[in-house]
Amino acid sequence: MYDFVYTSQSSKVVFGAGALARVAEEVYALGAQKSLILCTPEQEGQATEVAHLLGPLSASVFAEAQMHVPIEIARRARDHARSVGADCAVAIGGGSTIGLGKAIALESSLPIIAIPTTYAGSEMTPIYGLTEDGLKRTGRDARVLPKTVIYDPMLSLSLPLGLSFVSGLNAIAHAAEGLYARDGNPVMSLMAEDGIRALAAGLRCIKQDPNNLSARSDCLYGAWMCGNVLGHVGMALHHKLCHTLGGSFNMPHAETHAIVLPHALAYNSDAAPDAMSRISRALGSESAARGVFELGRELNIPSGLREIGMQESDLDRACEIALSNPYWNPRPIERESLRSLLQNAWDGSAPCR
C-alpha cells in the first residue's frame, strides 16, 4: 500500500540538438536584459559563444568557477554581478559552474539559466554547496533552482571520454540514493530507474563511438532524470562521504562519486532490497553494487581513491568528519563499517558488505 508525499518543482526544460541557439529567447522569457555568463577558465570559449548568441543581452563573462564552489569565488562572482547590473545568470558547464550560479542566487535571488555540458545533474536540483575553511556546507533553497535548463547534446561532443564516464556515474549516484531516500516516492523511483538505464546504455555506446550524438542524447536524458530525483528527495551516506572527501580533501567531484558509489551501495544493500533490485535491473546486473563497480571497470575509470590523490593517512580523519554530522541513511552508520568502506574505496577493491 502506498504511503508517500510528493511535491513537484518547476523548471522549464528545453531539450534537443541545437537547443543552445534558443538562449536569447529564454532570457527574454524571464524578462531579463543583462545576463552574467558563468563558466570555468577552461570553458571560456563556450561562454564567449553564448555571449555572442545573446548579443545586447550579455553583460559580462565571469570565467572563474571552481570545483566545490569556494566561498571566496562565490562572493567575488556575486559582487561582479552587482557591478555589471546583471538581472540573470547563464551558467554553461558542469556542476562547478552551475554551483557558482546557485551561490549567487542564494543571496541575490538572481534567476539562473543552466546549460549543462556534463552529466552532473546539478541543474535540476535546489541543492547548493559552498566550501569554506576546508568544510563543504550543503543545503536546499528554492531560490537556487534554475528557472530554465537548456539541454543540447551537441555541447557534450567535446566532453572527453573519461570525464563523460565519471560524470555519468556521478549522475547515477543521484538516482541510486534517491531509490532508498527517506522521503522517496513512486514517481522518483520510476525516474531513477529509467535514468540509470539510459545513462548505462548511453555511456557504453559512447565508449564505442564518442561522436554518437544519439548516445550523448541518451546520457543527457539520463542525467536529467537522475538530477530530477536528487532535486526532489534527500541524500544519504554516499553523498555525505563524497561531500566530505571533496570539501575537506579537495578530491575531484565526479571521480569521487564514481569510486565511492559501489561501496556505499554494498553498505546499504541489505537495508534497501527494493532499491538494489531496481538498480541491478537498470544495469543488467545481478547485483547493484557489483554492477556499478563493473560498469566503472568496463569504462576504464579509476576504481580507487588512491588513484585520484587521496592519502591513506587521511582516511581516519575523513571517517571522523563523516560521522560528526551524518545524513540519514537506511542502515545505521557505524564507525568500524564506515572505516572499512573507505578503505575498500581507497584500495579500489570490489565492493563487499
Protein backbone atom coordinates (compact mmCIF):
# COMPACT_ATOMS: atom_id res chain seq x y z
CA MET A 1 0.00 0.00 0.00
CA TYR A 2 1.38 3.40 -0.99
CA ASP A 3 2.21 5.97 1.68
CA PHE A 4 4.19 8.99 0.49
CA VAL A 5 4.34 12.76 -0.05
CA TYR A 6 5.30 14.16 -3.45
CA THR A 7 5.98 17.85 -4.08
CA SER A 8 6.65 18.92 -7.66
CA GLN A 9 9.32 21.51 -8.51
CA SER A 10 9.02 23.77 -11.51
CA SER A 11 11.78 24.24 -14.10
CA LYS A 12 11.42 24.80 -17.82
CA VAL A 13 13.41 22.27 -19.84
CA VAL A 14 14.45 22.89 -23.45
CA PHE A 15 15.92 19.67 -24.85
CA GLY A 16 17.34 18.92 -28.29
CA ALA A 17 20.33 19.11 -30.63
CA GLY A 18 20.99 22.77 -31.39
CA ALA A 19 18.89 23.99 -28.44
CA LEU A 20 21.69 26.39 -27.42
CA ALA A 21 20.55 28.70 -30.21
CA ARG A 22 17.43 29.45 -28.13
CA VAL A 23 19.33 31.00 -25.23
CA ALA A 24 18.39 34.61 -26.07
CA GLU A 25 14.74 33.60 -26.41
CA GLU A 26 14.88 32.06 -22.93
CA VAL A 27 16.49 35.16 -21.41
CA TYR A 28 13.70 37.25 -22.92
CA ALA A 29 11.15 34.82 -21.47
CA LEU A 30 12.49 35.57 -17.99
CA GLY A 31 12.08 39.28 -18.60
CA ALA A 32 15.83 39.79 -18.17
CA GLN A 33 18.03 42.26 -20.04
CA LYS A 34 21.55 41.81 -18.69
CA SER A 35 22.98 38.29 -18.38
CA LEU A 36 26.12 37.41 -16.45
CA ILE A 37 27.61 34.35 -18.17
CA LEU A 38 29.39 31.95 -15.83
CA CYS A 39 31.97 29.29 -16.72
CA THR A 40 35.28 27.76 -15.68
CA PRO A 41 38.51 29.13 -17.19
CA GLU A 42 38.64 26.05 -19.45
CA GLN A 43 35.19 26.74 -20.91
CA GLU A 44 35.57 30.44 -21.59
CA GLY A 45 35.35 29.72 -25.32
CA GLN A 46 31.86 28.24 -24.94
CA ALA A 47 30.86 31.15 -22.70
CA THR A 48 32.03 33.58 -25.36
CA GLU A 49 29.84 31.76 -27.88
CA VAL A 50 26.87 32.21 -25.54
CA ALA A 51 27.71 35.91 -25.21
CA HIS A 52 27.68 36.18 -29.00
CA LEU A 53 24.28 34.48 -29.20
CA LEU A 54 22.92 36.82 -26.54
CA GLY A 55 24.27 39.97 -28.16
CA PRO A 56 22.99 43.04 -26.24
CA LEU A 57 21.54 40.74 -23.56
CA SER A 58 25.08 39.83 -22.46
CA ALA A 59 26.52 41.92 -19.63
CA SER A 60 29.78 40.08 -18.94
CA VAL A 61 31.56 36.74 -18.80
CA PHE A 62 32.84 35.56 -15.40
CA ALA A 63 35.25 32.68 -16.04
CA GLU A 64 36.36 31.78 -12.52
CA ALA A 65 34.10 28.89 -11.49
CA GLN A 66 35.93 26.24 -9.46
CA MET A 67 35.21 22.77 -8.14
CA HIS A 68 33.35 22.64 -4.80
CA VAL A 69 32.47 26.38 -5.05
CA PRO A 70 34.99 28.07 -2.71
CA ILE A 71 33.14 30.80 -0.82
CA GLU A 72 35.63 33.49 -1.85
CA ILE A 73 34.92 32.79 -5.55
CA ALA A 74 31.17 32.88 -4.86
CA ARG A 75 31.49 36.27 -3.17
CA ARG A 76 33.61 37.66 -6.00
CA ALA A 77 31.06 36.45 -8.57
CA ARG A 78 28.19 37.95 -6.57
CA ASP A 79 29.96 41.31 -6.37
CA HIS A 80 30.74 41.20 -10.09
CA ALA A 81 27.10 40.50 -10.90
CA ARG A 82 26.11 43.58 -8.94
CA SER A 83 28.80 45.73 -10.56
CA VAL A 84 27.59 44.96 -14.10
CA GLY A 85 23.91 45.26 -13.19
CA ALA A 86 23.12 41.64 -14.08
CA ASP A 87 19.48 40.60 -13.72
CA CYS A 88 20.07 36.99 -14.84
CA ALA A 89 22.87 34.41 -14.71
CA VAL A 90 23.57 32.00 -17.56
CA ALA A 91 25.74 29.12 -16.34
CA ILE A 92 27.35 26.98 -19.04
CA GLY A 93 29.34 23.98 -17.89
CA GLY A 94 29.16 21.25 -15.28
CA GLY A 95 28.40 21.13 -11.59
CA SER A 96 31.12 23.64 -10.65
CA THR A 97 29.71 26.39 -12.86
CA ILE A 98 26.07 25.69 -12.10
CA GLY A 99 27.00 25.56 -8.42
CA LEU A 100 28.51 29.02 -8.71
CA GLY A 101 25.28 30.31 -10.24
CA LYS A 102 23.39 28.84 -7.29
CA ALA A 103 25.71 30.54 -4.84
CA ILE A 104 24.93 33.90 -6.45
CA ALA A 105 21.20 33.17 -6.47
CA LEU A 106 21.28 32.15 -2.80
CA GLU A 107 21.92 35.74 -1.73
CA SER A 108 20.58 37.77 -4.64
CA SER A 109 17.66 35.62 -5.94
CA LEU A 110 19.09 36.20 -9.43
CA PRO A 111 17.32 33.80 -11.83
CA ILE A 112 19.54 31.16 -13.42
CA ILE A 113 19.52 29.64 -16.88
CA ALA A 114 21.61 26.46 -16.79
CA ILE A 115 23.27 24.99 -19.87
CA PRO A 116 24.88 21.71 -18.77
CA THR A 117 27.80 20.36 -20.76
CA THR A 118 28.34 17.33 -18.50
CA TYR A 119 26.02 14.77 -16.94
CA ALA A 120 26.25 16.03 -13.35
CA GLY A 121 22.52 16.74 -12.95
CA SER A 122 23.01 19.71 -10.61
CA GLU A 123 20.86 21.87 -12.87
CA MET A 124 17.70 20.05 -11.76
CA THR A 125 18.16 20.49 -8.01
CA PRO A 126 17.61 23.22 -5.41
CA ILE A 127 20.74 21.93 -3.66
CA TYR A 128 23.71 24.22 -3.22
CA GLY A 129 27.19 23.65 -1.82
CA LEU A 130 29.84 26.08 -0.56
CA THR A 131 33.32 25.27 0.71
CA GLU A 132 34.85 27.38 3.49
CA ASP A 133 37.79 26.62 5.77
CA GLY A 134 38.11 23.10 4.41
CA LEU A 135 34.49 22.09 5.03
CA LYS A 136 31.75 21.80 2.44
CA ARG A 137 28.35 23.01 3.55
CA THR A 138 25.29 21.95 1.58
CA GLY A 139 21.67 22.98 1.77
CA ARG A 140 18.39 23.26 -0.11
CA ASP A 141 16.75 26.51 -1.13
CA ALA A 142 14.12 27.07 -3.83
CA ARG A 143 15.88 30.28 -4.89
CA VAL A 144 18.83 28.38 -6.37
CA LEU A 145 16.81 26.06 -8.63
CA PRO A 146 17.48 27.16 -12.24
CA LYS A 147 14.40 28.65 -13.87
CA THR A 148 15.31 27.22 -17.28
CA VAL A 149 17.61 24.38 -18.34
CA ILE A 150 18.83 24.07 -21.92
CA TYR A 151 19.96 20.54 -22.76
CA ASP A 152 21.87 20.40 -26.04
CA PRO A 153 23.65 17.07 -26.63
CA MET A 154 25.88 18.73 -29.22
CA LEU A 155 27.63 20.59 -26.40
CA SER A 156 28.79 17.30 -24.87
CA LEU A 157 30.50 16.09 -28.06
CA SER A 158 33.68 17.85 -26.94
CA LEU A 159 33.47 16.34 -23.44
CA PRO A 160 36.48 13.99 -23.06
CA LEU A 161 35.60 10.32 -22.74
CA GLY A 162 36.99 9.96 -19.23
CA LEU A 163 35.03 12.95 -17.98
CA SER A 164 31.91 11.70 -19.75
CA PHE A 165 32.16 8.40 -17.91
CA VAL A 166 32.78 9.71 -14.38
CA SER A 167 30.18 12.42 -14.89
CA GLY A 168 27.63 9.80 -15.91
CA LEU A 169 28.38 7.65 -12.86
CA ASN A 170 28.06 10.76 -10.71
CA ALA A 171 24.53 11.18 -12.07
CA ILE A 172 23.76 7.50 -11.48
CA ALA A 173 24.71 8.07 -7.83
CA HIS A 174 22.00 10.71 -7.50
CA ALA A 175 19.33 8.31 -8.71
CA ALA A 176 20.66 5.33 -6.78
CA GLU A 177 20.44 7.14 -3.44
CA GLY A 178 17.06 8.54 -4.40
CA LEU A 179 15.75 4.99 -4.55
CA TYR A 180 16.30 4.47 -0.83
CA ALA A 181 15.79 8.05 0.35
CA ARG A 182 13.68 8.53 3.46
CA ASP A 183 11.31 10.81 1.50
CA GLY A 184 11.27 8.74 -1.70
CA ASN A 185 8.12 8.09 -3.68
CA PRO A 186 6.96 6.02 -6.69
CA VAL A 187 7.38 8.88 -9.18
CA MET A 188 11.02 9.35 -8.24
CA SER A 189 11.63 5.60 -8.29
CA LEU A 190 10.42 5.41 -11.89
CA MET A 191 12.63 8.35 -12.89
CA ALA A 192 15.62 6.91 -11.06
CA GLU A 193 15.46 3.52 -12.70
CA ASP A 194 14.93 4.95 -16.18
CA GLY A 195 17.72 7.48 -15.66
CA ILE A 196 20.19 4.79 -14.60
CA ARG A 197 19.15 2.62 -17.56
CA ALA A 198 19.59 5.47 -20.07
CA LEU A 199 22.97 6.51 -18.69
CA ALA A 200 24.40 2.99 -18.55
CA ALA A 201 23.32 2.28 -22.13
CA GLY A 202 24.47 5.67 -23.39
CA LEU A 203 27.88 5.50 -21.73
CA ARG A 204 28.53 2.07 -23.20
CA CYS A 205 27.66 3.36 -26.68
CA ILE A 206 29.86 6.44 -26.25
CA LYS A 207 32.78 4.19 -25.43
CA GLN A 208 32.36 2.54 -28.83
CA ASP A 209 31.72 5.81 -30.69
CA PRO A 210 32.42 9.10 -28.85
CA ASN A 211 30.69 11.06 -31.64
CA ASN A 212 27.42 9.15 -31.38
CA LEU A 213 25.00 12.04 -30.88
CA SER A 214 22.10 9.73 -30.12
CA ALA A 215 24.09 8.11 -27.28
CA ARG A 216 25.07 11.56 -26.00
CA SER A 217 21.40 12.47 -26.03
CA ASP A 218 20.57 9.32 -24.04
CA CYS A 219 23.17 10.29 -21.45
CA LEU A 220 21.85 13.83 -21.17
CA TYR A 221 18.31 12.50 -20.82
CA GLY A 222 19.52 10.13 -18.10
CA ALA A 223 21.28 12.99 -16.33
CA TRP A 224 18.05 14.99 -16.42
CA MET A 225 16.13 12.09 -14.86
CA CYS A 226 18.77 11.42 -12.20
CA GLY A 227 19.18 15.10 -11.35
CA ASN A 228 15.42 15.43 -11.01
CA VAL A 229 15.46 12.62 -8.45
CA LEU A 230 18.17 14.31 -6.39
CA GLY A 231 16.22 17.56 -6.56
CA HIS A 232 13.09 16.02 -5.04
CA VAL A 233 14.37 13.67 -2.32
CA GLY A 234 17.05 13.58 0.34
CA MET A 235 20.63 12.33 0.30
CA ALA A 236 22.24 9.57 2.33
CA LEU A 237 25.63 8.04 3.15
CA HIS A 238 27.10 8.14 -0.35
CA HIS A 239 26.64 11.89 -0.77
CA LYS A 240 27.86 12.60 2.77
CA LEU A 241 31.09 10.75 2.07
CA CYS A 242 31.60 12.47 -1.29
CA HIS A 243 30.92 15.90 0.18
CA THR A 244 33.45 15.13 2.93
CA LEU A 245 36.11 13.91 0.51
CA GLY A 246 35.53 16.81 -1.86
CA GLY A 247 35.18 19.69 0.58
CA SER A 248 37.83 18.64 3.12
CA PHE A 249 40.37 16.89 0.89
CA ASN A 250 39.70 18.59 -2.47
CA MET A 251 39.06 15.32 -4.26
CA PRO A 252 37.68 15.68 -7.80
CA HIS A 253 33.89 15.65 -7.59
CA ALA A 254 32.76 13.27 -10.32
CA GLU A 255 35.63 10.79 -9.90
CA THR A 256 34.96 10.59 -6.17
CA HIS A 257 31.28 9.83 -6.73
CA ALA A 258 32.13 7.17 -9.30
CA ILE A 259 34.60 5.42 -6.98
CA VAL A 260 32.59 5.57 -3.74
CA LEU A 261 29.17 4.61 -5.16
CA PRO A 262 29.55 0.80 -5.40
CA HIS A 263 30.87 0.66 -1.83
CA ALA A 264 28.03 2.81 -0.48
CA LEU A 265 25.53 0.59 -2.26
CA ALA A 266 27.13 -2.52 -0.78
CA TYR A 267 26.92 -0.94 2.68
CA ASN A 268 23.18 -0.33 2.23
CA SER A 269 22.31 -3.43 0.22
CA ASP A 270 20.57 -5.42 2.95
CA ALA A 271 18.68 -2.37 4.25
CA ALA A 272 17.23 -1.36 0.87
CA PRO A 273 16.45 -4.51 -1.17
CA ASP A 274 13.86 -2.90 -3.48
CA ALA A 275 16.26 -0.10 -4.41
CA MET A 276 19.03 -2.61 -5.13
CA SER A 277 16.67 -4.65 -7.31
CA ARG A 278 15.80 -1.59 -9.40
CA ILE A 279 19.45 -0.56 -9.78
CA SER A 280 20.59 -4.04 -10.80
CA ARG A 281 17.72 -4.30 -13.30
CA ALA A 282 18.61 -0.95 -14.86
CA LEU A 283 22.25 -2.01 -15.18
CA GLY A 284 21.51 -5.51 -16.41
CA SER A 285 23.39 -6.99 -13.48
CA GLU A 286 22.62 -9.45 -10.69
CA SER A 287 23.98 -7.06 -8.03
CA ALA A 288 23.59 -3.29 -7.75
CA ALA A 289 26.96 -2.71 -6.08
CA ARG A 290 28.82 -5.14 -8.31
CA GLY A 291 27.01 -3.82 -11.39
CA VAL A 292 28.16 -0.24 -10.76
CA PHE A 293 31.70 -1.42 -10.00
CA GLU A 294 31.87 -3.49 -13.17
CA LEU A 295 30.43 -0.65 -15.24
CA GLY A 296 33.26 1.56 -13.98
CA ARG A 297 35.81 -1.06 -14.94
CA GLU A 298 34.20 -1.50 -18.34
CA LEU A 299 34.59 2.24 -18.89
CA ASN A 300 38.20 2.22 -17.65
CA ILE A 301 37.70 4.84 -14.96
CA PRO A 302 39.69 4.92 -11.69
CA SER A 303 38.44 2.35 -9.18
CA GLY A 304 40.31 3.54 -6.07
CA LEU A 305 40.59 6.84 -4.22
CA ARG A 306 44.36 6.42 -4.16
CA GLU A 307 44.35 6.75 -7.95
CA ILE A 308 42.95 10.29 -7.72
CA GLY A 309 45.26 11.60 -5.00
CA MET A 310 43.65 10.60 -1.69
CA GLN A 311 46.23 9.83 1.03
CA GLU A 312 45.62 6.67 3.02
CA SER A 313 46.69 8.57 6.13
CA ASP A 314 43.65 10.84 5.71
CA LEU A 315 41.07 8.05 5.82
CA ASP A 316 40.68 8.17 9.61
CA ARG A 317 40.03 11.90 9.53
CA ALA A 318 37.55 11.50 6.66
CA CYS A 319 35.70 8.90 8.69
CA GLU A 320 35.52 11.21 11.73
CA ILE A 321 34.23 14.15 9.65
CA ALA A 322 31.55 11.99 8.04
CA LEU A 323 30.48 10.67 11.45
CA SER A 324 30.35 14.13 13.03
CA ASN A 325 27.27 15.24 11.10
CA PRO A 326 25.82 12.25 9.23
CA TYR A 327 22.97 12.33 6.74
CA TRP A 328 20.02 10.00 7.28
CA ASN A 329 20.78 6.53 5.92
CA PRO A 330 18.70 3.31 5.65
CA ARG A 331 21.39 1.38 7.54
CA PRO A 332 22.81 2.87 10.75
CA ILE A 333 26.20 4.46 10.18
CA GLU A 334 28.74 2.56 12.27
CA ARG A 335 32.34 3.69 12.74
CA GLU A 336 34.05 0.36 12.04
CA SER A 337 31.94 -0.45 8.97
CA LEU A 338 32.33 3.08 7.62
CA ARG A 339 36.09 2.98 8.04
CA SER A 340 36.15 -0.36 6.22
CA LEU A 341 34.07 1.14 3.39
CA LEU A 342 36.57 3.98 2.99
CA GLN A 343 39.48 1.57 2.99
CA ASN A 344 37.90 -0.54 0.25
CA ALA A 345 37.19 2.60 -1.78
CA TRP A 346 40.79 3.70 -1.34
CA ASP A 347 42.16 0.30 -2.31
CA GLY A 348 39.91 0.04 -5.36
CA SER A 349 38.82 -3.46 -4.37
CA ALA A 350 35.49 -4.96 -5.35
CA PRO A 351 32.62 -3.88 -3.08
CA CYS A 352 31.74 -6.10 -0.16
CA ARG A 353 29.15 -5.97 2.63
